[in-house]
Amino acid sequence: MTGLSFLIPVALFLGLLGLAAFFWSMRSGQYDDLDGAANRILIDDDEEKGTP
């Protein structure tokens, strides 16, 4: 029983920490350009630099 009294607050704290990290990443713009990252893999770097 004493193990539960220790593990439940630890689990709640870690859950709140993960939620805070998620909201921080949302506010800092980590998920703004999802299509750009998906299309960036298709762009050939040699064409952008101008080398044949």
Protein backbone atom coordinates (compact mmCIF):
# COMPACT_ATOMS: atom_id res chain seq x y z
CA MET A 1 0.00 0.00 0.00
CA THR A 2 2.86 2.39 0.67
CA GLY A 3 4.15 1.73 -2.84
CA LEU A 4 0.92 3.08 -4.32
CA SER A 5 1.10 6.20 -2.20
CA PHE A 6 4.47 6.86 -3.83
CA LEU A 7 3.76 5.73 -7.40
CA ILE A 8 0.46 7.55 -7.97
CA PRO A 9 1.89 11.07 -7.35
CA VAL A 10 4.95 10.21 -9.44
CA ALA A 11 2.74 9.04 -12.33
CA LEU A 12 0.59 12.18 -12.08
CA PHE A 13 3.68 14.40 -12.04
CA LEU A 14 5.16 12.70 -15.11
CA GLY A 15 1.84 12.97 -16.93
CA LEU A 16 1.60 16.67 -16.19
CA LEU A 17 5.22 17.13 -17.24
CA GLY A 18 4.51 15.46 -20.59
CA LEU A 19 1.40 17.58 -21.08
CA ALA A 20 3.36 20.75 -20.33
CA ALA A 21 6.04 19.72 -22.84
CA PHE A 22 3.36 19.13 -25.47
CA PHE A 23 1.76 22.54 -24.91
CA TRP A 24 5.20 24.19 -24.99
CA SER A 25 5.95 22.57 -28.34
CA MET A 26 2.59 23.71 -29.70
CA ARG A 27 3.24 27.32 -28.66
CA SER A 28 6.78 27.35 -30.03
CA GLY A 29 5.60 26.35 -33.52
CA GLN A 30 6.91 22.80 -33.76
CA TYR A 31 3.84 21.62 -35.68
CA ASP A 32 3.22 24.59 -37.97
CA ASP A 33 4.56 23.31 -41.30
CA LEU A 34 3.81 19.60 -41.60
CA ASP A 35 3.47 19.61 -45.40
CA GLY A 36 6.77 21.41 -45.93
CA ALA A 37 8.71 18.76 -44.06
CA ALA A 38 7.00 16.01 -46.05
CA ASN A 39 7.76 17.67 -49.40
CA ARG A 40 11.33 18.67 -48.52
CA ILE A 41 12.51 15.09 -48.97
CA LEU A 42 11.43 15.20 -52.61
CA ILE A 43 13.46 18.30 -53.52
CA ASP A 44 16.75 17.54 -55.25
CA ASP A 45 19.56 19.57 -53.65
CA ASP A 46 21.65 19.64 -56.85
CA GLU A 47 18.96 21.52 -58.77
CA GLU A 48 18.76 24.23 -56.13
CA LYS A 49 22.51 24.87 -56.15
CA GLY A 50 22.58 25.23 -59.92
CA THR A 51 24.99 22.37 -60.63
CA PRO A 52 24.06 20.03 -63.49
